[in-house]
C-alpha atoms as a PDB file:
ATOM      1  CA  MET A   1    -136.007  -9.130  48.366  1.00  0.00           C
ATOM      2  CA  LYS A   2    -132.777  -7.561  49.198  1.00  0.00           C
ATOM      3  CA  LYS A   3    -130.570 -10.773  48.570  1.00  0.00           C
ATOM      4  CA  ILE A   4    -132.610 -11.018  45.165  1.00  0.00           C
ATOM      5  CA  LEU A   5    -131.617  -7.040  44.508  1.00  0.00           C
ATOM      6  CA  ILE A   6    -127.826  -7.848  45.425  1.00  0.00           C
ATOM      7  CA  PHE A   7    -127.570 -10.806  43.268  1.00  0.00           C
ATOM      8  CA  LEU A   8    -129.260  -8.994  40.287  1.00  0.00           C
ATOM      9  CA  PHE A   9    -126.759  -6.026  40.861  1.00  0.00           C
ATOM     10  CA  PHE A  10    -123.617  -8.275  40.638  1.00  0.00           C
ATOM     11  CA  THR A  11    -124.748 -10.197  37.599  1.00  0.00           C
ATOM     12  CA  PHE A  12    -125.211  -6.943  35.971  1.00  0.00           C
ATOM     13  CA  ALA A  13    -122.001  -5.735  37.097  1.00  0.00           C
ATOM     14  CA  PHE A  14    -120.177  -8.631  35.341  1.00  0.00           C
ATOM     15  CA  SER A  15    -122.229  -8.630  32.580  1.00  0.00           C
ATOM     16  CA  TYR A  16    -121.033  -4.291  31.881  1.00  0.00           C
ATOM     17  CA  ASN A  17    -117.415  -5.575  32.394  1.00  0.00           C
ATOM     18  CA  ILE A  18    -117.492  -8.737  29.968  1.00  0.00           C
ATOM     19  CA  LYS A  19    -119.057  -6.286  27.475  1.00  0.00           C
ATOM     20  CA  ASP A  20    -116.425  -3.896  27.849  1.00  0.00           C
ATOM     21  CA  ILE A  21    -113.567  -6.157  27.779  1.00  0.00           C
ATOM     22  CA  VAL A  22    -114.765  -8.183  24.554  1.00  0.00           C
ATOM     23  CA  GLY A  23    -116.490  -5.382  22.816  1.00  0.00           C
ATOM     24  CA  GLU A  24    -120.070  -4.935  21.758  1.00  0.00           C
ATOM     25  CA  ARG A  25    -119.625  -6.940  18.475  1.00  0.00           C
ATOM     26  CA  ILE A  26    -118.233  -9.911  20.209  1.00  0.00           C
ATOM     27  CA  TYR A  27    -120.776  -9.663  23.374  1.00  0.00           C
ATOM     28  CA  ASN A  28    -123.877  -9.378  20.696  1.00  0.00           C
ATOM     29  CA  GLN A  29    -122.547 -12.494  18.756  1.00  0.00           C
ATOM     30  CA  TYR A  30    -121.571 -14.682  21.597  1.00  0.00           C
ATOM     31  CA  GLN A  31    -124.356 -13.535  24.239  1.00  0.00           C
ATOM     32  CA  GLY A  32    -124.941 -17.534  25.521  1.00  0.00           C
ATOM     33  CA  ILE A  33    -121.410 -18.337  26.122  1.00  0.00           C
ATOM     34  CA  ILE A  34    -121.140 -15.257  27.706  1.00  0.00           C
ATOM     35  CA  LYS A  35    -124.091 -15.564  30.061  1.00  0.00           C
ATOM     36  CA  THR A  36    -122.545 -19.064  31.053  1.00  0.00           C
ATOM     37  CA  ILE A  37    -119.485 -17.472  31.797  1.00  0.00           C
ATOM     38  CA  GLU A  38    -121.334 -14.635  33.940  1.00  0.00           C
ATOM     39  CA  LYS A  39    -122.646 -17.388  36.360  1.00  0.00           C
ATOM     40  CA  ASN A  40    -119.264 -18.267  37.884  1.00  0.00           C
ATOM     41  CA  ALA A  41    -117.153 -14.968  37.013  1.00  0.00           C
ATOM     42  CA  PRO A  42    -114.546 -14.473  39.268  1.00  0.00           C
ATOM     43  CA  ASN A  43    -113.650 -11.065  40.679  1.00  0.00           C
ATOM     44  CA  ASN A  44    -109.745 -10.928  39.380  1.00  0.00           C
ATOM     45  CA  LEU A  45    -109.868  -9.510  36.126  1.00  0.00           C
ATOM     46  CA  ALA A  46    -107.079 -11.304  35.069  1.00  0.00           C
ATOM     47  CA  GLU A  47    -108.654 -14.467  35.727  1.00  0.00           C
ATOM     48  CA  LEU A  48    -111.790 -13.718  34.005  1.00  0.00           C
ATOM     49  CA  ILE A  49    -110.089 -12.472  30.990  1.00  0.00           C
ATOM     50  CA  THR A  50    -107.906 -15.606  30.817  1.00  0.00           C
ATOM     51  CA  ILE A  51    -111.270 -17.413  30.693  1.00  0.00           C
ATOM     52  CA  LEU A  52    -112.558 -15.183  27.909  1.00  0.00           C
ATOM     53  CA  LYS A  53    -109.098 -15.332  25.844  1.00  0.00           C
ATOM     54  CA  GLU A  54    -109.263 -19.488  26.374  1.00  0.00           C
ATOM     55  CA  ASN A  55    -112.957 -19.300  25.449  1.00  0.00           C
ATOM     56  CA  GLY A  56    -111.910 -17.155  21.839  1.00  0.00           C
ATOM     57  CA  LEU A  57    -113.862 -14.239  23.358  1.00  0.00           C
ATOM     58  CA  ILE A  58    -111.108 -11.385  22.864  1.00  0.00           C
ATOM     59  CA  GLU A  59    -109.431 -10.736  19.205  1.00  0.00           C
ATOM     60  CA  LEU A  60    -105.879  -9.845  20.143  1.00  0.00           C
ATOM     61  CA  PHE A  61    -104.370 -10.465  16.688  1.00  0.00           C
ATOM     62  CA  PHE A  62    -104.730  -9.167  13.119  1.00  0.00           C
ATOM     63  CA  ASP A  63    -104.177 -10.263   9.580  1.00  0.00           C
ATOM     64  CA  THR A  64    -102.023  -7.928   8.828  1.00  0.00           C
ATOM     65  CA  PRO A  65     -99.880  -5.295  10.624  1.00  0.00           C
ATOM     66  CA  LYS A  66    -101.731  -2.184  11.860  1.00  0.00           C
ATOM     67  CA  THR A  67    -101.411   1.242  13.764  1.00  0.00           C
ATOM     68  CA  ILE A  68    -103.337   1.041  17.487  1.00  0.00           C
ATOM     69  CA  HIS A  69    -103.783   3.625  20.037  1.00  0.00           C
ATOM     70  CA  PRO A  70    -104.020   2.255  23.260  1.00  0.00           C
ATOM     71  CA  THR A  71    -105.289   4.404  25.973  1.00  0.00           C
ATOM     72  CA  PHE A  72    -103.640   4.465  29.877  1.00  0.00           C
ATOM     73  CA  ILE A  73    -106.012   6.059  32.285  1.00  0.00           C
ATOM     74  CA  PHE A  74    -104.102   6.543  35.856  1.00  0.00           C
ATOM     75  CA  THR A  75    -106.981   7.450  38.554  1.00  0.00           C
ATOM     76  CA  ASN A  76    -104.049   8.638  41.266  1.00  0.00           C
ATOM     77  CA  LYS A  77    -102.895  11.326  38.812  1.00  0.00           C
ATOM     78  CA  ASN A  78     -98.835  11.225  39.045  1.00  0.00           C
ATOM     79  CA  PRO A  79     -97.806  11.965  35.223  1.00  0.00           C
ATOM     80  CA  GLN A  80     -93.907  11.598  36.053  1.00  0.00           C
ATOM     81  CA  PHE A  81     -94.377   8.102  38.269  1.00  0.00           C
ATOM     82  CA  ASN A  82     -97.093   7.134  36.048  1.00  0.00           C
ATOM     83  CA  THR A  83     -95.473   7.328  32.434  1.00  0.00           C
ATOM     84  CA  LYS A  84     -91.995   5.750  33.779  1.00  0.00           C
ATOM     85  CA  ILE A  85     -93.896   2.543  35.000  1.00  0.00           C
ATOM     86  CA  LEU A  86     -96.121   2.469  32.075  1.00  0.00           C
ATOM     87  CA  TYR A  87     -93.184   2.705  29.668  1.00  0.00           C
ATOM     88  CA  LEU A  88     -91.069   0.305  32.018  1.00  0.00           C
ATOM     89  CA  SER A  89     -93.713  -1.989  31.971  1.00  0.00           C
ATOM     90  CA  LEU A  90     -94.218  -1.828  27.853  1.00  0.00           C
ATOM     91  CA  LYS A  91     -90.292  -2.112  27.480  1.00  0.00           C
ATOM     92  CA  ASN A  92     -90.848  -5.438  29.650  1.00  0.00           C
ATOM     93  CA  LEU A  93     -93.320  -6.834  27.612  1.00  0.00           C
ATOM     94  CA  GLY A  94     -91.271  -5.946  24.444  1.00  0.00           C
ATOM     95  CA  TYR A  95     -92.730  -3.319  22.782  1.00  0.00           C
ATOM     96  CA  TYR A  96     -89.766  -0.577  22.073  1.00  0.00           C
ATOM     97  CA  TYR A  97     -91.374   1.361  19.400  1.00  0.00           C
ATOM     98  CA  PHE A  98     -94.071   3.371  20.538  1.00  0.00           C
ATOM     99  CA  TYR A  99     -94.444   6.946  21.135  1.00  0.00           C
ATOM    100  CA  PRO A 100     -97.797   9.094  23.043  1.00  0.00           C
ATOM    101  CA  SER A 101     -99.958  10.439  20.209  1.00  0.00           C
ATOM    102  CA  LEU A 102    -102.264  12.112  23.340  1.00  0.00           C
ATOM    103  CA  ILE A 103    -102.150  13.150  26.726  1.00  0.00           C
ATOM    104  CA  LYS A 104    -104.394  14.507  29.088  1.00  0.00           C
ATOM    105  CA  ASN A 105    -103.883  15.826  32.729  1.00  0.00           C
ATOM    106  CA  ASN A 106    -107.172  16.765  33.991  1.00  0.00           C
ATOM    107  CA  GLN A 107    -109.397  14.433  36.610  1.00  0.00           C
ATOM    108  CA  ASN A 108    -106.799  11.964  36.036  1.00  0.00           C
ATOM    109  CA  PHE A 109    -103.805  11.497  33.908  1.00  0.00           C
ATOM    110  CA  ASN A 110    -104.210   9.982  30.219  1.00  0.00           C
ATOM    111  CA  ILE A 111    -101.982   8.835  28.147  1.00  0.00           C
ATOM    112  CA  THR A 112    -102.300   7.527  25.030  1.00  0.00           C
ATOM    113  CA  ILE A 113     -99.655   5.769  22.629  1.00  0.00           C
ATOM    114  CA  GLU A 114     -99.243   4.843  18.973  1.00  0.00           C
ATOM    115  CA  MET A 115     -97.341   2.319  17.641  1.00  0.00           C
ATOM    116  CA  LYS A 116     -97.646  -0.355  14.745  1.00  0.00           C
ATOM    117  CA  SER A 117     -97.922  -4.126  15.549  1.00  0.00           C
ATOM    118  CA  THR A 118     -99.443  -7.221  14.332  1.00  0.00           C
ATOM    119  CA  HIS A 119    -102.023  -7.853  17.780  1.00  0.00           C
ATOM    120  CA  HIS A 120    -103.025  -5.912  20.416  1.00  0.00           C
ATOM    121  CA  ILE A 121    -101.457  -5.884  24.230  1.00  0.00           C
ATOM    122  CA  ASP A 122    -102.090  -8.982  25.942  1.00  0.00           C
ATOM    123  CA  PRO A 123    -104.506  -7.678  28.627  1.00  0.00           C
ATOM    124  CA  VAL A 124    -103.279 -10.461  30.991  1.00  0.00           C
ATOM    125  CA  ASN A 125     -99.570 -10.040  30.457  1.00  0.00           C
ATOM    126  CA  PHE A 126    -100.153  -6.278  30.663  1.00  0.00           C
ATOM    127  CA  ILE A 127    -101.693  -6.402  33.966  1.00  0.00           C
ATOM    128  CA  ASN A 128     -99.299  -9.060  35.802  1.00  0.00           C
ATOM    129  CA  GLU A 129     -96.467  -6.549  34.470  1.00  0.00           C
ATOM    130  CA  ILE A 130     -97.943  -3.349  35.779  1.00  0.00           C
ATOM    131  CA  SER A 131     -98.432  -5.007  39.171  1.00  0.00           C
ATOM    132  CA  LYS A 132     -94.873  -5.526  39.778  1.00  0.00           C
ATOM    133  CA  TYR A 133     -94.360  -1.398  40.320  1.00  0.00           C
ATOM    134  CA  GLY A 134     -97.566  -1.598  42.861  1.00  0.00           C
ATOM    135  CA  CYS A 135    -100.316  -0.944  40.087  1.00  0.00           C
ATOM    136  CA  LYS A 136    -103.665  -2.676  39.877  1.00  0.00           C
ATOM    137  CA  VAL A 137    -105.395  -2.563  36.410  1.00  0.00           C
ATOM    138  CA  ILE A 138    -109.749  -1.560  37.675  1.00  0.00           C
ATOM    139  CA  ASN A 139    -111.140  -1.573  34.396  1.00  0.00           C
ATOM    140  CA  ILE A 140    -110.474  -2.371  30.771  1.00  0.00           C
ATOM    141  CA  LYS A 141    -113.007  -1.107  27.757  1.00  0.00           C
ATOM    142  CA  ASN A 142    -112.612  -2.514  23.772  1.00  0.00           C
ATOM    143  CA  LYS A 143    -113.255  -0.016  21.779  1.00  0.00           C
ATOM    144  CA  GLU A 144    -111.285  -0.940  18.429  1.00  0.00           C
ATOM    145  CA  ASP A 145    -108.197   0.058  20.835  1.00  0.00           C
ATOM    146  CA  PHE A 146    -107.845  -1.014  24.428  1.00  0.00           C
ATOM    147  CA  ILE A 147    -108.399   1.414  27.402  1.00  0.00           C
ATOM    148  CA  TYR A 148    -107.108   0.663  30.667  1.00  0.00           C
ATOM    149  CA  THR A 149    -108.271   2.761  33.982  1.00  0.00           C
ATOM    150  CA  ILE A 150    -105.142   1.951  36.530  1.00  0.00           C
ATOM    151  CA  ASP A 151    -105.070   2.264  40.232  1.00  0.00           C
ATOM    152  CA  CYS A 152    -101.196   3.624  40.849  1.00  0.00           C
ATOM    153  CA  SER A 153    -101.865   5.078  44.420  1.00  0.00           C
ATOM    154  CA  ASN A 154     -99.143   2.750  46.049  1.00  0.00           C
ATOM    155  CA  GLU A 155     -96.910   2.777  43.108  1.00  0.00           C
ATOM    156  CA  ILE A 156     -93.107   2.019  43.561  1.00  0.00           C
ATOM    157  CA  LEU A 157     -89.861   1.337  41.599  1.00  0.00           C
ATOM    158  CA  PRO A 158     -88.668  -2.326  42.215  1.00  0.00           C
ATOM    159  CA  VAL A 159     -84.992  -1.255  42.766  1.00  0.00           C
ATOM    160  CA  PRO A 160     -81.824  -2.247  44.971  1.00  0.00           C
ATOM    161  CA  LYS A 161     -82.417  -0.882  48.339  1.00  0.00           C
ATOM    162  CA  ILE A 162     -79.178   1.254  49.652  1.00  0.00           C
ATOM    163  CA  THR A 163     -78.022  -0.907  52.661  1.00  0.00           C
ATOM    164  CA  HIS A 164     -75.325   0.207  55.440  1.00  0.00           C
ATOM    165  CA  LYS A 165     -73.015  -2.581  54.101  1.00  0.00           C
ATOM    166  CA  THR A 166     -71.106  -1.888  50.493  1.00  0.00           C
ATOM    167  CA  LYS A 167     -72.799  -3.490  47.823  1.00  0.00           C
ATOM    168  CA  SER A 168     -71.334  -3.667  44.071  1.00  0.00           C
ATOM    169  CA  PHE A 169     -73.851  -3.519  40.978  1.00  0.00           C
ATOM    170  CA  LEU A 170     -73.268  -3.506  37.409  1.00  0.00           C
ATOM    171  CA  ASN A 171     -75.388  -2.550  34.521  1.00  0.00           C
ATOM    172  CA  VAL A 172     -74.044  -2.674  30.812  1.00  0.00           C
ATOM    173  CA  LYS A 173     -76.074   0.661  30.158  1.00  0.00           C
ATOM    174  CA  GLY A 174     -74.384   2.237  32.760  1.00  0.00           C
ATOM    175  CA  GLU A 175     -77.147   3.928  34.425  1.00  0.00           C
ATOM    176  CA  TYR A 176     -77.911   2.460  38.154  1.00  0.00           C
ATOM    177  CA  TRP A 177     -81.527   3.280  40.041  1.00  0.00           C
ATOM    178  CA  PHE A 178     -81.337   2.876  43.837  1.00  0.00           C
ATOM    179  CA  ASP A 179     -84.352   2.985  46.436  1.00  0.00           C
ATOM    180  CA  THR A 180     -82.227   5.784  49.344  1.00  0.00           C
ATOM    181  CA  ASN A 181     -83.792   3.346  52.169  1.00  0.00           C
ATOM    182  CA  ASN A 182     -84.363   6.397  54.284  1.00  0.00           C
ATOM    183  CA  PHE A 183     -79.972   6.823  54.823  1.00  0.00           C
ATOM    184  CA  LYS A 184     -79.254  10.543  55.114  1.00  0.00           C
ATOM    185  CA  SER A 185     -75.884  10.224  53.171  1.00  0.00           C
ATOM    186  CA  ILE A 186     -74.603   7.798  50.866  1.00  0.00           C
ATOM    187  CA  LEU A 187     -71.291   6.849  49.560  1.00  0.00           C
ATOM    188  CA  ILE A 188     -70.557   5.704  45.891  1.00  0.00           C
ATOM    189  CA  THR A 189     -67.352   4.429  44.609  1.00  0.00           C
ATOM    190  CA  THR A 190     -66.159   3.116  41.182  1.00  0.00           C
ATOM    191  CA  SER A 191     -64.268  -0.437  40.606  1.00  0.00           C
ATOM    192  CA  LYS A 192     -60.657   0.485  40.994  1.00  0.00           C
ATOM    193  CA  PHE A 193     -60.006   0.277  37.191  1.00  0.00           C
ATOM    194  CA  ASP A 194     -62.281   3.077  36.784  1.00  0.00           C
ATOM    195  CA  LYS A 195     -62.829   6.585  37.210  1.00  0.00           C
ATOM    196  CA  TRP A 196     -66.254   8.899  36.452  1.00  0.00           C
ATOM    197  CA  HIS A 197     -67.844  12.251  36.064  1.00  0.00           C
ATOM    198  CA  PRO A 198     -70.712  12.277  38.425  1.00  0.00           C
ATOM    199  CA  TYR A 199     -74.243  12.803  37.037  1.00  0.00           C
ATOM    200  CA  ILE A 200     -76.831  11.779  40.166  1.00  0.00           C
ATOM    201  CA  SER A 201     -80.673  12.814  39.880  1.00  0.00           C
ATOM    202  CA  ILE A 202     -82.494  12.770  43.048  1.00  0.00           C
ATOM    203  CA  TYR A 203     -86.137  12.074  43.596  1.00  0.00           C
ATOM    204  CA  ASP A 204     -88.984  12.276  45.790  1.00  0.00           C
ATOM    205  CA  LYS A 205     -91.302   9.159  46.654  1.00  0.00           C
ATOM    206  CA  ASN A 206     -93.673  10.554  43.555  1.00  0.00           C
ATOM    207  CA  LEU A 207     -90.183  10.609  41.104  1.00  0.00           C
ATOM    208  CA  ASN A 208     -90.406  14.389  41.159  1.00  0.00           C
ATOM    209  CA  PRO A 209     -86.564  15.516  40.633  1.00  0.00           C
ATOM    210  CA  ILE A 210     -85.479  17.177  44.025  1.00  0.00           C
ATOM    211  CA  PHE A 211     -81.978  18.062  42.820  1.00  0.00           C
ATOM    212  CA  ILE A 212     -79.343  17.216  40.454  1.00  0.00           C
ATOM    213  CA  TYR A 213     -74.953  16.514  41.419  1.00  0.00           C
ATOM    214  CA  THR A 214     -73.221  16.514  38.612  1.00  0.00           C
ATOM    215  CA  SER A 215     -69.167  17.134  38.038  1.00  0.00           C
ATOM    216  CA  LYS A 216     -67.165  17.642  35.112  1.00  0.00           C
ATOM    217  CA  ASN A 217     -64.087  16.730  37.551  1.00  0.00           C
ATOM    218  CA  ILE A 218     -63.107  13.227  37.332  1.00  0.00           C
ATOM    219  CA  GLN A 219     -63.243  11.224  40.528  1.00  0.00           C
ATOM    220  CA  LYS A 220     -63.326   7.700  42.475  1.00  0.00           C
ATOM    221  CA  LYS A 221     -65.484   8.227  45.151  1.00  0.00           C
ATOM    222  CA  ILE A 222     -68.320  10.302  46.273  1.00  0.00           C
ATOM    223  CA  LYS A 223     -70.116  11.108  49.392  1.00  0.00           C
ATOM    224  CA  LEU A 224     -73.747  12.966  48.916  1.00  0.00           C
ATOM    225  CA  ASN A 225     -75.938  13.960  51.425  1.00  0.00           C
ATOM    226  CA  LEU A 226     -79.439  13.658  50.722  1.00  0.00           C
ATOM    227  CA  THR A 227     -82.283  15.546  51.967  1.00  0.00           C
ATOM    228  CA  GLU A 228     -84.992  14.529  54.228  1.00  0.00           C
ATOM    229  CA  ASP A 229     -87.546  13.823  51.005  1.00  0.00           C
ATOM    230  CA  THR A 230     -85.011  11.845  49.001  1.00  0.00           C
ATOM    231  CA  LYS A 231     -86.567   8.417  48.055  1.00  0.00           C
ATOM    232  CA  TYR A 232     -84.706   7.591  44.555  1.00  0.00           C
ATOM    233  CA  ILE A 233     -81.643   8.405  42.887  1.00  0.00           C
ATOM    234  CA  LYS A 234     -80.240   7.748  39.372  1.00  0.00           C
ATOM    235  CA  ILE A 235     -76.465   7.456  38.823  1.00  0.00           C
ATOM    236  CA  ARG A 236     -74.991   7.889  35.478  1.00  0.00           C
ATOM    237  CA  ASP A 237     -71.771   9.578  34.003  1.00  0.00           C
ATOM    238  CA  ASN A 238     -71.646  12.771  32.798  1.00  0.00           C
ATOM    239  CA  PHE A 239     -70.438  11.849  29.560  1.00  0.00           C
ATOM    240  CA  THR A 240     -70.352   7.880  28.718  1.00  0.00           C
ATOM    241  CA  LYS A 241     -71.074   4.544  30.307  1.00  0.00           C
ATOM    242  CA  GLU A 242     -67.258   3.423  29.316  1.00  0.00           C
ATOM    243  CA  ASN A 243     -66.210   5.435  32.561  1.00  0.00           C
ATOM    244  CA  ILE A 244     -68.356   3.025  34.970  1.00  0.00           C
ATOM    245  CA  LYS A 245     -68.305   0.190  32.586  1.00  0.00           C
ATOM    246  CA  ARG A 246     -67.069  -2.146  35.319  1.00  0.00           C
ATOM    247  CA  GLY A 247     -70.035  -1.131  37.465  1.00  0.00           C
ATOM    248  CA  ILE A 248     -70.160   0.768  41.522  1.00  0.00           C
ATOM    249  CA  PHE A 249     -69.843   0.387  44.728  1.00  0.00           C
ATOM    250  CA  ILE A 250     -72.453   2.042  46.922  1.00  0.00           C
ATOM    251  CA  LYS A 251     -73.366   2.085  50.528  1.00  0.00           C
ATOM    252  CA  GLY A 252     -76.036   3.925  53.310  1.00  0.00           C
ATOM    253  CA  LEU A 253     -74.084   6.112  55.743  1.00  0.00           C
ATOM    254  CA  GLN A 254     -76.548   7.603  58.828  1.00  0.00           C
END
């Protein structure tokens, strides 16, 4: 009896998840094929959604552009980091024109965005993209707009780590992010043709700001001491990216 109950539980669990993903109308309309999929449903959410897409059970595209409001629920509740990772993920997927329409910071951190599009965000692409930041989509519901529940308890910024060797970096946008890699001090130098007005933001592991070092004096080299809880830094010029357009050199100091 125990084995039968366990089997029934998992069958119901998959049924519930699939109904959430495809929406009630599609689920009721195509119960036959969905029940067949449920029998061999994979535990991996991205694989499950791929199967549903291949069988035409997830409607992503519209006849004409419309305004959509996808919602993202972060269970680890780290608003600063959650928001940055969400925005980076969406922009990497090619979504640039969106803005937050509703934010809730209660038991979880919820953010709903508004954007005009010819289609919903592809769930598989979103799952794969946000996983690059140490996050896992643990549930998806399709209720006119998609609702994603995301665990980002292991979230990271996949940015270069500072090392004890001097390394050069070039970013045409004039903004540089680094993982400080537990160094107590760092040395930042411009190229021999540039000078800059430093603006350096210092963050902890949760991306909470610790302090900002800024100077209106033009410089070529700066040594910066870091606090113990420093994890990330962002470097730019105080006025214009043109001052560091040829890149910067950075190394860690013990």
